[in-house]
Amino acid sequence: MEEKPSHQEVILEFIKKNLLYVGLISLGLMLMMLGVFQYFSSKSDTSDIEFTSSSSAGVQGADIKGESTVSKISVDVEGKVQKPGVYTLPEGSRIQDALIAAGGLSSTADRVYVSKHLNQAQKVIDGGKIYIPAIGETQAANIPAEAHDTMSNSSASTTDTSGMININSALEAQLDTLPKIGPVTAKKIIGGRPYQDINELVSKKVLGQKTFEGIKEKIVAE
């Protein structure tokens, strides 16, 4: 009676007959295991990467470079505001920003005049001046020239120690004493107040360049 082959013999015989297939299957299993291993390895590496937003990156960049310097300007805010004085503001600030820094208009400020003649969106210039008149102050400034002699003592503050005329506070009669400035032009100067710089007489189209050249050495804007 013929002896039955064992399981090991059967397996060996099967491998010998199908060696090519067995090799391909073994290779496929190895490649699959290698792929699984690489997949989990790459996933682990990706989890270690920290993503930051562009805004936070910008903050870090600012920290590396140090605090950025912002240019500053100074402006003198006087008249009927809550806290008159000289204020330091960022370059590019508007007249509105200067008035806010000074606490806003006081209860006696001529708000009608401000709304009509003051452009609060205008940029403040370094070393400029903003003057807010009191209620009735601008009307009082339109005094006829013949009445000037009776007010010479009370109007002394409209000129400085060098005798120059302050275009922000001078009376019509005083402006009328300037070369080529008559009553009509004097009223235009008063209507254009306040001025941060005497050059605004030209930029606001109150005076022509030729007329301005004739008086610029005799006036100030304070």
N, C-alpha and C. Protein backbone atom coordinates (compact mmCIF):
# COMPACT_ATOMS: atom_id res chain seq x y z
N MET A 1 0.85 -1.19 0.00
CA MET A 1 0.00 0.00 0.00
C MET A 1 0.89 1.25 0.00
N GLU A 2 0.56 2.16 -0.96
CA GLU A 2 1.41 3.35 -1.14
C GLU A 2 1.18 4.33 0.00
N GLU A 3 2.33 4.89 0.54
CA GLU A 3 2.25 5.80 1.69
C GLU A 3 1.83 7.20 1.24
N LYS A 4 0.95 7.78 2.00
CA LYS A 4 0.43 9.12 1.70
C LYS A 4 1.47 10.18 2.05
N PRO A 5 1.68 11.19 1.12
CA PRO A 5 2.67 12.24 1.43
C PRO A 5 2.20 13.12 2.59
N SER A 6 3.17 13.64 3.34
CA SER A 6 2.85 14.53 4.47
C SER A 6 2.49 15.92 3.95
N HIS A 7 1.99 16.72 4.89
CA HIS A 7 1.61 18.11 4.53
C HIS A 7 2.81 18.91 4.06
N GLN A 8 3.94 18.73 4.70
CA GLN A 8 5.13 19.47 4.32
C GLN A 8 5.55 19.11 2.91
N GLU A 9 5.47 17.83 2.60
CA GLU A 9 5.84 17.39 1.27
C GLU A 9 4.91 17.97 0.22
N VAL A 10 3.64 18.01 0.59
CA VAL A 10 2.64 18.58 -0.35
C VAL A 10 2.95 20.05 -0.61
N ILE A 11 3.26 20.78 0.47
CA ILE A 11 3.55 22.21 0.33
C ILE A 11 4.81 22.43 -0.50
N LEU A 12 5.86 21.64 -0.23
CA LEU A 12 7.10 21.78 -0.98
C LEU A 12 6.89 21.47 -2.44
N GLU A 13 6.08 20.47 -2.69
CA GLU A 13 5.79 20.09 -4.06
C GLU A 13 5.03 21.20 -4.78
N PHE A 14 4.11 21.83 -4.05
CA PHE A 14 3.31 22.92 -4.63
C PHE A 14 4.21 24.12 -4.94
N ILE A 15 5.15 24.40 -4.01
CA ILE A 15 6.05 25.53 -4.21
C ILE A 15 6.94 25.30 -5.41
N LYS A 16 7.45 24.04 -5.56
CA LYS A 16 8.32 23.75 -6.69
C LYS A 16 7.59 23.94 -8.01
N LYS A 17 6.34 23.50 -8.04
CA LYS A 17 5.58 23.60 -9.28
C LYS A 17 5.13 25.05 -9.57
N ASN A 18 4.94 25.85 -8.50
CA ASN A 18 4.42 27.22 -8.68
C ASN A 18 5.38 28.26 -8.12
N LEU A 19 6.66 28.00 -8.32
CA LEU A 19 7.68 28.87 -7.74
C LEU A 19 7.53 30.33 -8.21
N LEU A 20 7.24 30.52 -9.45
CA LEU A 20 7.11 31.88 -9.99
C LEU A 20 5.97 32.63 -9.32
N TYR A 21 4.83 31.98 -9.21
CA TYR A 21 3.67 32.63 -8.59
C TYR A 21 3.91 32.95 -7.12
N VAL A 22 4.53 31.98 -6.42
CA VAL A 22 4.82 32.19 -5.01
C VAL A 22 5.77 33.38 -4.82
N GLY A 23 6.76 33.48 -5.71
CA GLY A 23 7.70 34.61 -5.63
C GLY A 23 7.01 35.95 -5.85
N LEU A 24 6.12 35.98 -6.85
CA LEU A 24 5.40 37.22 -7.12
C LEU A 24 4.50 37.62 -5.95
N ILE A 25 3.84 36.64 -5.37
CA ILE A 25 2.95 36.93 -4.23
C ILE A 25 3.77 37.44 -3.04
N SER A 26 4.92 36.81 -2.78
CA SER A 26 5.77 37.24 -1.67
C SER A 26 6.27 38.66 -1.88
N LEU A 27 6.68 38.97 -3.15
CA LEU A 27 7.16 40.30 -3.46
C LEU A 27 6.06 41.34 -3.28
N GLY A 28 4.84 40.99 -3.71
CA GLY A 28 3.72 41.90 -3.55
C GLY A 28 3.43 42.20 -2.09
N LEU A 29 3.49 41.17 -1.25
CA LEU A 29 3.25 41.37 0.18
C LEU A 29 4.31 42.27 0.80
N MET A 30 5.56 42.09 0.37
CA MET A 30 6.64 42.92 0.90
C MET A 30 6.46 44.39 0.50
N LEU A 31 6.10 44.59 -0.78
CA LEU A 31 5.89 45.97 -1.24
C LEU A 31 4.72 46.62 -0.53
N MET A 32 3.67 45.84 -0.29
CA MET A 32 2.50 46.38 0.41
C MET A 32 2.86 46.78 1.84
N MET A 33 3.64 45.95 2.53
CA MET A 33 4.05 46.26 3.90
C MET A 33 4.96 47.50 3.92
N LEU A 34 5.83 47.60 2.91
CA LEU A 34 6.71 48.75 2.83
C LEU A 34 5.91 50.05 2.60
N GLY A 35 4.87 49.95 1.75
CA GLY A 35 4.02 51.11 1.50
C GLY A 35 3.27 51.54 2.75
N VAL A 36 2.74 50.58 3.49
CA VAL A 36 2.04 50.90 4.74
C VAL A 36 2.98 51.56 5.74
N PHE A 37 4.20 51.05 5.81
CA PHE A 37 5.18 51.62 6.74
C PHE A 37 5.50 53.07 6.36
N GLN A 38 5.72 53.34 5.06
CA GLN A 38 6.03 54.70 4.62
C GLN A 38 4.86 55.65 4.85
N TYR A 39 3.65 55.15 4.65
CA TYR A 39 2.46 55.99 4.84
C TYR A 39 2.38 56.49 6.28
N PHE A 40 2.53 55.59 7.24
CA PHE A 40 2.42 56.00 8.65
C PHE A 40 3.61 56.86 9.07
N SER A 41 4.77 56.61 8.48
CA SER A 41 5.93 57.44 8.80
C SER A 41 5.74 58.88 8.32
N SER A 42 5.23 59.04 7.08
CA SER A 42 5.01 60.39 6.55
C SER A 42 3.91 61.11 7.31
N LYS A 43 2.91 60.41 7.74
CA LYS A 43 1.83 61.02 8.53
C LYS A 43 2.35 61.53 9.85
N SER A 44 3.26 60.78 10.47
CA SER A 44 3.84 61.20 11.74
C SER A 44 4.68 62.45 11.56
N ASP A 45 5.44 62.56 10.44
CA ASP A 45 6.27 63.73 10.19
C ASP A 45 5.42 64.97 9.93
N THR A 46 4.29 64.78 9.22
CA THR A 46 3.43 65.91 8.89
C THR A 46 2.81 66.52 10.14
N SER A 47 2.51 65.71 11.11
CA SER A 47 1.88 66.21 12.34
C SER A 47 2.82 67.11 13.12
N ASP A 48 4.12 67.03 12.84
CA ASP A 48 5.08 67.86 13.56
C ASP A 48 5.21 69.25 12.96
N ILE A 49 4.65 69.45 11.76
CA ILE A 49 4.75 70.75 11.09
C ILE A 49 3.74 71.70 11.69
N GLU A 50 4.17 72.89 12.08
CA GLU A 50 3.28 73.89 12.68
C GLU A 50 3.02 75.00 11.67
N PHE A 51 1.76 75.21 11.37
CA PHE A 51 1.37 76.25 10.42
C PHE A 51 0.98 77.49 11.19
N THR A 52 1.42 78.65 10.69
CA THR A 52 1.07 79.92 11.32
C THR A 52 0.44 80.82 10.28
N SER A 53 -0.48 81.66 10.73
CA SER A 53 -1.14 82.59 9.82
C SER A 53 -0.18 83.68 9.40
N SER A 54 -0.51 84.33 8.29
CA SER A 54 0.35 85.39 7.78
C SER A 54 0.44 86.54 8.76
N SER A 55 -0.66 86.79 9.51
CA SER A 55 -0.65 87.89 10.47
C SER A 55 0.32 87.63 11.61
N SER A 56 0.33 86.38 12.11
CA SER A 56 1.24 86.07 13.20
C SER A 56 2.68 86.09 12.71
N ALA A 57 2.87 85.67 11.44
CA ALA A 57 4.22 85.72 10.88
C ALA A 57 4.70 87.15 10.80
N GLY A 58 3.77 88.05 10.47
CA GLY A 58 4.13 89.46 10.39
C GLY A 58 4.52 90.00 11.74
N VAL A 59 3.81 89.55 12.78
CA VAL A 59 4.13 90.00 14.14
C VAL A 59 5.52 89.54 14.53
N GLN A 60 5.83 88.24 14.19
CA GLN A 60 7.15 87.73 14.52
C GLN A 60 8.22 88.51 13.79
N GLY A 61 7.93 88.86 12.52
CA GLY A 61 8.89 89.64 11.76
C GLY A 61 9.13 90.99 12.38
N ALA A 62 8.05 91.58 12.90
CA ALA A 62 8.18 92.89 13.54
C ALA A 62 9.01 92.79 14.80
N ASP A 63 8.86 91.63 15.51
CA ASP A 63 9.64 91.45 16.74
C ASP A 63 11.12 91.33 16.42
N ILE A 64 11.41 90.67 15.28
CA ILE A 64 12.81 90.47 14.92
C ILE A 64 13.44 91.81 14.56
N LYS A 65 12.70 92.63 13.80
CA LYS A 65 13.24 93.90 13.36
C LYS A 65 13.18 94.98 14.43
N GLY A 66 12.34 94.77 15.44
CA GLY A 66 12.15 95.78 16.46
C GLY A 66 10.97 96.65 16.14
N GLU A 67 10.57 97.49 17.03
CA GLU A 67 9.42 98.35 16.84
C GLU A 67 9.66 99.33 15.71
N SER A 68 8.64 99.46 14.83
CA SER A 68 8.76 100.39 13.72
C SER A 68 8.58 101.82 14.23
N THR A 69 9.33 102.73 13.65
CA THR A 69 9.24 104.12 14.08
C THR A 69 8.24 104.85 13.22
N VAL A 70 7.30 105.55 13.85
CA VAL A 70 6.28 106.33 13.17
C VAL A 70 6.63 107.80 13.30
N SER A 71 6.68 108.50 12.16
CA SER A 71 7.02 109.92 12.18
C SER A 71 5.95 110.71 12.94
N LYS A 72 6.38 111.69 13.69
CA LYS A 72 5.47 112.51 14.49
C LYS A 72 5.54 113.97 14.04
N ILE A 73 4.44 114.67 14.26
CA ILE A 73 4.39 116.11 13.98
C ILE A 73 3.79 116.80 15.19
N SER A 74 4.03 118.10 15.29
CA SER A 74 3.49 118.88 16.40
C SER A 74 2.58 119.97 15.84
N VAL A 75 1.47 120.20 16.54
CA VAL A 75 0.52 121.23 16.12
C VAL A 75 0.02 121.97 17.35
N ASP A 76 -0.14 123.27 17.20
CA ASP A 76 -0.63 124.13 18.29
C ASP A 76 -2.13 124.35 18.11
N VAL A 77 -2.92 123.88 19.07
CA VAL A 77 -4.38 124.03 19.01
C VAL A 77 -4.78 125.05 20.07
N GLU A 78 -5.32 126.19 19.64
CA GLU A 78 -5.66 127.26 20.56
C GLU A 78 -7.11 127.73 20.32
N GLY A 79 -7.51 128.67 21.16
CA GLY A 79 -8.86 129.21 21.05
C GLY A 79 -9.83 128.44 21.91
N LYS A 80 -11.05 128.31 21.44
CA LYS A 80 -12.11 127.72 22.25
C LYS A 80 -12.19 126.21 22.08
N VAL A 81 -11.16 125.55 22.64
CA VAL A 81 -11.15 124.09 22.76
C VAL A 81 -11.02 123.75 24.24
N GLN A 82 -11.30 122.50 24.59
CA GLN A 82 -11.29 122.11 26.00
C GLN A 82 -9.90 122.19 26.62
N LYS A 83 -8.89 121.78 25.86
CA LYS A 83 -7.52 121.75 26.40
C LYS A 83 -6.55 122.34 25.38
N PRO A 84 -6.45 123.66 25.30
CA PRO A 84 -5.52 124.28 24.35
C PRO A 84 -4.08 123.87 24.66
N GLY A 85 -3.27 123.81 23.62
CA GLY A 85 -1.87 123.48 23.83
C GLY A 85 -1.24 122.89 22.58
N VAL A 86 0.01 122.48 22.71
CA VAL A 86 0.75 121.87 21.61
C VAL A 86 0.64 120.36 21.74
N TYR A 87 0.26 119.71 20.65
CA TYR A 87 0.06 118.26 20.67
C TYR A 87 0.94 117.58 19.63
N THR A 88 1.43 116.39 19.98
CA THR A 88 2.22 115.57 19.08
C THR A 88 1.33 114.48 18.50
N LEU A 89 1.25 114.43 17.19
CA LEU A 89 0.36 113.49 16.50
C LEU A 89 1.16 112.71 15.45
N PRO A 90 0.64 111.55 15.02
CA PRO A 90 1.30 110.81 13.94
C PRO A 90 1.25 111.61 12.64
N GLU A 91 2.29 111.51 11.84
CA GLU A 91 2.31 112.21 10.56
C GLU A 91 1.14 111.74 9.70
N GLY A 92 0.48 112.68 9.04
CA GLY A 92 -0.68 112.35 8.24
C GLY A 92 -2.00 112.56 8.98
N SER A 93 -1.93 113.00 10.24
CA SER A 93 -3.15 113.25 11.01
C SER A 93 -3.93 114.42 10.40
N ARG A 94 -5.23 114.42 10.66
CA ARG A 94 -6.11 115.47 10.14
C ARG A 94 -6.42 116.50 11.24
N ILE A 95 -7.01 117.62 10.81
CA ILE A 95 -7.38 118.66 11.78
C ILE A 95 -8.35 118.08 12.81
N GLN A 96 -9.23 117.20 12.36
CA GLN A 96 -10.17 116.57 13.29
C GLN A 96 -9.42 115.82 14.41
N ASP A 97 -8.34 115.12 14.05
CA ASP A 97 -7.54 114.40 15.06
C ASP A 97 -6.95 115.36 16.08
N ALA A 98 -6.50 116.53 15.60
CA ALA A 98 -5.91 117.53 16.50
C ALA A 98 -6.96 118.08 17.46
N LEU A 99 -8.17 118.32 16.94
CA LEU A 99 -9.25 118.82 17.81
C LEU A 99 -9.66 117.78 18.84
N ILE A 100 -9.66 116.52 18.45
CA ILE A 100 -9.98 115.44 19.40
C ILE A 100 -8.92 115.38 20.49
N ALA A 101 -7.64 115.52 20.09
CA ALA A 101 -6.55 115.51 21.07
C ALA A 101 -6.69 116.65 22.06
N ALA A 102 -7.24 117.78 21.60
CA ALA A 102 -7.43 118.94 22.47
C ALA A 102 -8.75 118.87 23.24
N GLY A 103 -9.41 117.75 23.21
CA GLY A 103 -10.63 117.57 24.00
C GLY A 103 -11.90 118.01 23.31
N GLY A 104 -11.80 118.47 22.05
CA GLY A 104 -12.97 118.93 21.32
C GLY A 104 -13.27 120.39 21.57
N LEU A 105 -14.30 120.90 20.92
CA LEU A 105 -14.68 122.31 21.04
C LEU A 105 -15.30 122.59 22.40
N SER A 106 -15.06 123.80 22.91
CA SER A 106 -15.67 124.20 24.18
C SER A 106 -17.09 124.70 23.92
N SER A 107 -17.82 124.96 24.97
CA SER A 107 -19.21 125.39 24.84
C SER A 107 -19.34 126.77 24.22
N THR A 108 -18.27 127.57 24.28
CA THR A 108 -18.33 128.93 23.73
C THR A 108 -17.71 129.03 22.34
N ALA A 109 -17.35 127.91 21.74
CA ALA A 109 -16.76 127.92 20.40
C ALA A 109 -17.81 128.28 19.35
N ASP A 110 -17.38 128.98 18.32
CA ASP A 110 -18.27 129.35 17.22
C ASP A 110 -18.38 128.15 16.27
N ARG A 111 -19.33 127.27 16.55
CA ARG A 111 -19.48 126.03 15.79
C ARG A 111 -19.95 126.29 14.35
N VAL A 112 -20.73 127.34 14.17
CA VAL A 112 -21.17 127.69 12.82
C VAL A 112 -19.97 128.07 11.96
N TYR A 113 -19.10 128.88 12.54
CA TYR A 113 -17.89 129.29 11.82
C TYR A 113 -17.03 128.07 11.49
N VAL A 114 -16.87 127.18 12.47
CA VAL A 114 -16.04 125.98 12.26
C VAL A 114 -16.60 125.13 11.14
N SER A 115 -17.93 124.93 11.14
CA SER A 115 -18.55 124.09 10.11
C SER A 115 -18.43 124.69 8.72
N LYS A 116 -18.39 126.01 8.64
CA LYS A 116 -18.33 126.68 7.34
C LYS A 116 -16.91 126.87 6.82
N HIS A 117 -15.98 127.13 7.72
CA HIS A 117 -14.64 127.56 7.29
C HIS A 117 -13.51 126.60 7.63
N LEU A 118 -13.75 125.62 8.47
CA LEU A 118 -12.67 124.73 8.88
C LEU A 118 -12.86 123.35 8.24
N ASN A 119 -11.92 122.97 7.41
CA ASN A 119 -11.95 121.66 6.77
C ASN A 119 -11.28 120.65 7.69
N GLN A 120 -12.07 119.90 8.44
CA GLN A 120 -11.52 118.98 9.42
C GLN A 120 -10.85 117.77 8.79
N ALA A 121 -11.06 117.57 7.50
CA ALA A 121 -10.39 116.46 6.81
C ALA A 121 -9.02 116.84 6.29
N GLN A 122 -8.66 118.12 6.44
CA GLN A 122 -7.36 118.59 5.95
C GLN A 122 -6.23 118.06 6.82
N LYS A 123 -5.11 117.69 6.18
CA LYS A 123 -3.96 117.18 6.93
C LYS A 123 -3.30 118.29 7.73
N VAL A 124 -2.84 117.94 8.91
CA VAL A 124 -2.13 118.88 9.77
C VAL A 124 -0.68 118.94 9.33
N ILE A 125 -0.13 120.13 9.25
CA ILE A 125 1.28 120.27 8.90
C ILE A 125 2.11 120.43 10.17
N ASP A 126 3.33 119.95 10.12
CA ASP A 126 4.21 120.04 11.28
C ASP A 126 4.49 121.50 11.62
N GLY A 127 4.28 121.86 12.88
CA GLY A 127 4.51 123.22 13.32
C GLY A 127 3.34 124.15 13.02
N GLY A 128 2.22 123.60 12.57
CA GLY A 128 1.05 124.41 12.23
C GLY A 128 0.25 124.82 13.45
N LYS A 129 -0.73 125.67 13.21
CA LYS A 129 -1.58 126.18 14.29
C LYS A 129 -3.04 126.11 13.86
N ILE A 130 -3.89 125.71 14.80
CA ILE A 130 -5.33 125.69 14.59
C ILE A 130 -5.96 126.59 15.64
N TYR A 131 -6.72 127.56 15.19
CA TYR A 131 -7.35 128.50 16.12
C TYR A 131 -8.86 128.42 15.96
N ILE A 132 -9.57 128.18 17.08
CA ILE A 132 -11.02 128.10 17.10
C ILE A 132 -11.58 129.37 17.74
N PRO A 133 -12.29 130.18 16.97
CA PRO A 133 -12.81 131.45 17.52
C PRO A 133 -14.01 131.23 18.45
N ALA A 134 -14.24 132.22 19.30
CA ALA A 134 -15.41 132.19 20.19
C ALA A 134 -16.63 132.69 19.43
N ILE A 135 -17.80 132.42 19.99
CA ILE A 135 -19.03 132.91 19.38
C ILE A 135 -18.98 134.44 19.32
N GLY A 136 -19.21 134.99 18.14
CA GLY A 136 -19.20 136.44 17.96
C GLY A 136 -17.84 137.03 17.71
N GLU A 137 -16.78 136.24 17.85
CA GLU A 137 -15.43 136.78 17.68
C GLU A 137 -15.17 137.21 16.24
N THR A 138 -15.59 136.41 15.28
CA THR A 138 -15.34 136.75 13.88
C THR A 138 -16.16 137.95 13.44
N GLN A 139 -17.37 138.07 14.00
CA GLN A 139 -18.19 139.25 13.66
C GLN A 139 -17.56 140.51 14.23
N ALA A 140 -17.01 140.40 15.45
CA ALA A 140 -16.38 141.56 16.08
C ALA A 140 -15.13 141.98 15.31
N ALA A 141 -14.50 141.03 14.62
CA ALA A 141 -13.30 141.34 13.86
C ALA A 141 -13.62 142.17 12.62
N ASN A 142 -14.86 142.15 12.14
CA ASN A 142 -15.24 142.91 10.94
C ASN A 142 -15.64 144.34 11.30
N ILE A 143 -14.79 145.01 12.05
CA ILE A 143 -15.07 146.39 12.48
C ILE A 143 -14.60 147.35 11.40
N PRO A 144 -15.37 148.37 11.03
CA PRO A 144 -14.95 149.31 10.00
C PRO A 144 -13.62 149.95 10.34
N ALA A 145 -12.86 150.34 9.29
CA ALA A 145 -11.52 150.89 9.49
C ALA A 145 -11.54 152.16 10.31
N GLU A 146 -12.60 152.98 10.16
CA GLU A 146 -12.64 154.23 10.89
C GLU A 146 -12.77 154.06 12.39
N ALA A 147 -13.16 152.86 12.83
CA ALA A 147 -13.32 152.63 14.26
C ALA A 147 -12.06 152.03 14.88
N HIS A 148 -11.03 151.80 14.05
CA HIS A 148 -9.84 151.13 14.54
C HIS A 148 -9.12 151.91 15.63
N ASP A 149 -9.09 153.24 15.51
CA ASP A 149 -8.34 154.05 16.47
C ASP A 149 -8.85 153.90 17.88
N THR A 150 -10.14 153.63 18.02
CA THR A 150 -10.73 153.50 19.36
C THR A 150 -10.41 152.16 19.99
N MET A 151 -9.85 151.23 19.18
CA MET A 151 -9.59 149.89 19.70
C MET A 151 -8.11 149.54 19.66
N SER A 152 -7.25 150.51 19.48
CA SER A 152 -5.83 150.22 19.32
C SER A 152 -5.26 149.50 20.52
N ASN A 153 -5.73 149.84 21.72
CA ASN A 153 -5.20 149.20 22.93
C ASN A 153 -5.65 147.76 23.04
N SER A 154 -6.93 147.49 22.78
CA SER A 154 -7.46 146.14 22.97
C SER A 154 -7.00 145.18 21.89
N SER A 155 -6.51 145.68 20.77
CA SER A 155 -6.12 144.79 19.68
C SER A 155 -4.63 144.57 19.60
N ALA A 156 -3.88 144.93 20.62
CA ALA A 156 -2.43 144.81 20.58
C ALA A 156 -1.98 143.37 20.42
N SER A 157 -2.80 142.40 20.86
CA SER A 157 -2.40 141.00 20.81
C SER A 157 -2.42 140.44 19.40
N THR A 158 -2.94 141.19 18.42
CA THR A 158 -3.00 140.69 17.06
C THR A 158 -1.70 140.87 16.30
N THR A 159 -0.71 141.51 16.94
CA THR A 159 0.63 141.62 16.36
C THR A 159 1.63 141.06 17.34
N ASP A 160 2.73 140.51 16.80
CA ASP A 160 3.74 139.99 17.72
C ASP A 160 4.76 141.08 18.04
N THR A 161 5.80 140.71 18.78
CA THR A 161 6.77 141.70 19.25
C THR A 161 7.56 142.34 18.11
N SER A 162 7.61 141.68 16.97
CA SER A 162 8.34 142.23 15.84
C SER A 162 7.46 143.13 14.98
N GLY A 163 6.20 143.31 15.37
CA GLY A 163 5.29 144.17 14.63
C GLY A 163 4.61 143.48 13.47
N MET A 164 4.79 142.16 13.32
CA MET A 164 4.14 141.43 12.22
C MET A 164 2.68 141.17 12.57
N ILE A 165 1.83 141.13 11.58
CA ILE A 165 0.39 140.97 11.79
C ILE A 165 0.03 139.49 11.76
N ASN A 166 -0.72 139.07 12.78
CA ASN A 166 -1.18 137.69 12.89
C ASN A 166 -2.47 137.54 12.08
N ILE A 167 -2.41 136.80 10.99
CA ILE A 167 -3.58 136.68 10.11
C ILE A 167 -4.70 135.86 10.72
N ASN A 168 -4.44 135.19 11.85
CA ASN A 168 -5.49 134.41 12.50
C ASN A 168 -6.31 135.24 13.49
N SER A 169 -5.82 136.40 13.88
CA SER A 169 -6.55 137.18 14.88
C SER A 169 -6.63 138.68 14.58
N ALA A 170 -5.96 139.13 13.54
CA ALA A 170 -5.94 140.56 13.23
C ALA A 170 -7.33 141.06 12.83
N LEU A 171 -7.61 142.30 13.17
CA LEU A 171 -8.86 142.93 12.77
C LEU A 171 -8.78 143.33 11.30
N GLU A 172 -9.94 143.55 10.71
CA GLU A 172 -9.99 143.96 9.31
C GLU A 172 -9.18 145.23 9.08
N ALA A 173 -9.26 146.15 10.03
CA ALA A 173 -8.54 147.42 9.88
C ALA A 173 -7.03 147.20 9.86
N GLN A 174 -6.56 146.22 10.64
CA GLN A 174 -5.13 145.95 10.66
C GLN A 174 -4.68 145.28 9.36
N LEU A 175 -5.48 144.35 8.86
CA LEU A 175 -5.15 143.71 7.60
C LEU A 175 -5.15 144.72 6.45
N ASP A 176 -6.01 145.72 6.58
CA ASP A 176 -6.14 146.74 5.55
C ASP A 176 -4.87 147.59 5.42
N THR A 177 -4.03 147.55 6.45
CA THR A 177 -2.79 148.34 6.40
C THR A 177 -1.70 147.65 5.58
N LEU A 178 -1.91 146.37 5.24
CA LEU A 178 -0.92 145.63 4.45
C LEU A 178 -0.95 146.10 2.99
N PRO A 179 0.17 146.01 2.30
CA PRO A 179 0.23 146.44 0.89
C PRO A 179 -0.77 145.68 0.02
N LYS A 180 -1.53 146.42 -0.78
CA LYS A 180 -2.48 145.86 -1.74
C LYS A 180 -3.60 145.05 -1.08
N ILE A 181 -3.84 145.26 0.20
CA ILE A 181 -4.94 144.59 0.90
C ILE A 181 -5.97 145.65 1.27
N GLY A 182 -7.12 145.59 0.63
CA GLY A 182 -8.21 146.50 0.93
C GLY A 182 -9.25 145.83 1.80
N PRO A 183 -10.35 146.50 2.10
CA PRO A 183 -11.40 145.94 2.95
C PRO A 183 -11.97 144.62 2.44
N VAL A 184 -12.16 144.51 1.13
CA VAL A 184 -12.72 143.28 0.56
C VAL A 184 -11.77 142.10 0.77
N THR A 185 -10.49 142.32 0.45
CA THR A 185 -9.50 141.24 0.63
C THR A 185 -9.30 140.92 2.11
N ALA A 186 -9.35 141.94 2.95
CA ALA A 186 -9.22 141.70 4.40
C ALA A 186 -10.34 140.79 4.89
N LYS A 187 -11.56 141.02 4.38
CA LYS A 187 -12.69 140.15 4.77
C LYS A 187 -12.47 138.72 4.29
N LYS A 188 -11.87 138.58 3.10
CA LYS A 188 -11.58 137.24 2.59
C LYS A 188 -10.56 136.52 3.47
N ILE A 189 -9.56 137.28 3.95
CA ILE A 189 -8.56 136.68 4.84
C ILE A 189 -9.21 136.21 6.13
N ILE A 190 -10.08 137.04 6.69
CA ILE A 190 -10.77 136.68 7.92
C ILE A 190 -11.68 135.47 7.69
N GLY A 191 -12.34 135.43 6.54
CA GLY A 191 -13.23 134.32 6.24
C GLY A 191 -12.53 133.00 6.01
N GLY A 192 -11.22 133.06 5.70
CA GLY A 192 -10.47 131.83 5.47
C GLY A 192 -9.83 131.25 6.71
N ARG A 193 -9.98 131.90 7.85
CA ARG A 193 -9.39 131.40 9.08
C ARG A 193 -10.00 130.07 9.50
N PRO A 194 -9.22 129.27 10.28
CA PRO A 194 -7.84 129.51 10.74
C PRO A 194 -6.82 129.06 9.71
N TYR A 195 -5.62 129.60 9.83
CA TYR A 195 -4.51 129.23 8.97
C TYR A 195 -3.43 128.55 9.80
N GLN A 196 -2.94 127.43 9.32
CA GLN A 196 -1.83 126.76 10.00
C GLN A 196 -0.49 127.34 9.54
N ASP A 197 -0.48 127.97 8.37
CA ASP A 197 0.74 128.51 7.80
C ASP A 197 0.34 129.65 6.86
N ILE A 198 1.18 130.68 6.75
CA ILE A 198 0.82 131.83 5.91
C ILE A 198 0.65 131.43 4.45
N ASN A 199 1.30 130.34 4.03
CA ASN A 199 1.18 129.90 2.64
C ASN A 199 -0.23 129.44 2.29
N GLU A 200 -1.05 129.20 3.32
CA GLU A 200 -2.42 128.79 3.05
C GLU A 200 -3.25 129.93 2.47
N LEU A 201 -2.76 131.17 2.58
CA LEU A 201 -3.45 132.27 1.92
C LEU A 201 -3.51 132.04 0.41
N VAL A 202 -2.48 131.38 -0.11
CA VAL A 202 -2.45 131.06 -1.54
C VAL A 202 -3.16 129.75 -1.82
N SER A 203 -2.88 128.71 -1.00
CA SER A 203 -3.48 127.39 -1.24
C SER A 203 -5.00 127.42 -1.08
N LYS A 204 -5.50 128.30 -0.21
CA LYS A 204 -6.96 128.44 -0.05
C LYS A 204 -7.56 129.45 -1.03
N LYS A 205 -6.67 129.97 -1.92
CA LYS A 205 -7.11 130.92 -2.96
C LYS A 205 -7.69 132.21 -2.36
N VAL A 206 -7.17 132.60 -1.20
CA VAL A 206 -7.57 133.89 -0.61
C VAL A 206 -6.81 135.02 -1.31
N LEU A 207 -5.52 134.77 -1.57
CA LEU A 207 -4.68 135.76 -2.24
C LEU A 207 -4.02 135.14 -3.47
N GLY A 208 -3.70 135.99 -4.43
CA GLY A 208 -2.88 135.56 -5.54
C GLY A 208 -1.42 135.53 -5.13
N GLN A 209 -0.60 134.82 -5.87
CA GLN A 209 0.80 134.66 -5.51
C GLN A 209 1.53 136.00 -5.46
N LYS A 210 1.23 136.90 -6.41
CA LYS A 210 1.91 138.19 -6.46
C LYS A 210 1.58 139.04 -5.23
N THR A 211 0.30 139.07 -4.85
CA THR A 211 -0.10 139.83 -3.66
C THR A 211 0.53 139.23 -2.41
N PHE A 212 0.53 137.90 -2.35
CA PHE A 212 1.13 137.21 -1.19
C PHE A 212 2.61 137.55 -1.05
N GLU A 213 3.34 137.56 -2.16
CA GLU A 213 4.77 137.86 -2.12
C GLU A 213 5.01 139.26 -1.54
N GLY A 214 4.05 140.16 -1.74
CA GLY A 214 4.22 141.52 -1.27
C GLY A 214 3.97 141.71 0.22
N ILE A 215 3.33 140.72 0.87
CA ILE A 215 3.02 140.87 2.30
C ILE A 215 3.61 139.77 3.18
N LYS A 216 4.19 138.74 2.60
CA LYS A 216 4.58 137.56 3.40
C LYS A 216 5.62 137.89 4.47
N GLU A 217 6.41 138.97 4.27
CA GLU A 217 7.40 139.33 5.27
C GLU A 217 6.79 140.15 6.41
N LYS A 218 5.51 140.46 6.30
CA LYS A 218 4.86 141.29 7.32
C LYS A 218 3.81 140.54 8.12
N ILE A 219 3.60 139.24 7.84
CA ILE A 219 2.52 138.49 8.48
C ILE A 219 3.04 137.19 9.11
N VAL A 220 2.27 136.70 10.06
CA VAL A 220 2.53 135.40 10.69
C VAL A 220 1.18 134.70 10.86
N ALA A 221 1.24 133.40 11.09
CA ALA A 221 0.03 132.60 11.39
C ALA A 221 0.24 131.94 12.73
N GLU A 222 -0.36 132.50 13.77
CA GLU A 222 -0.17 131.97 15.14
C GLU A 222 -1.51 131.73 15.80
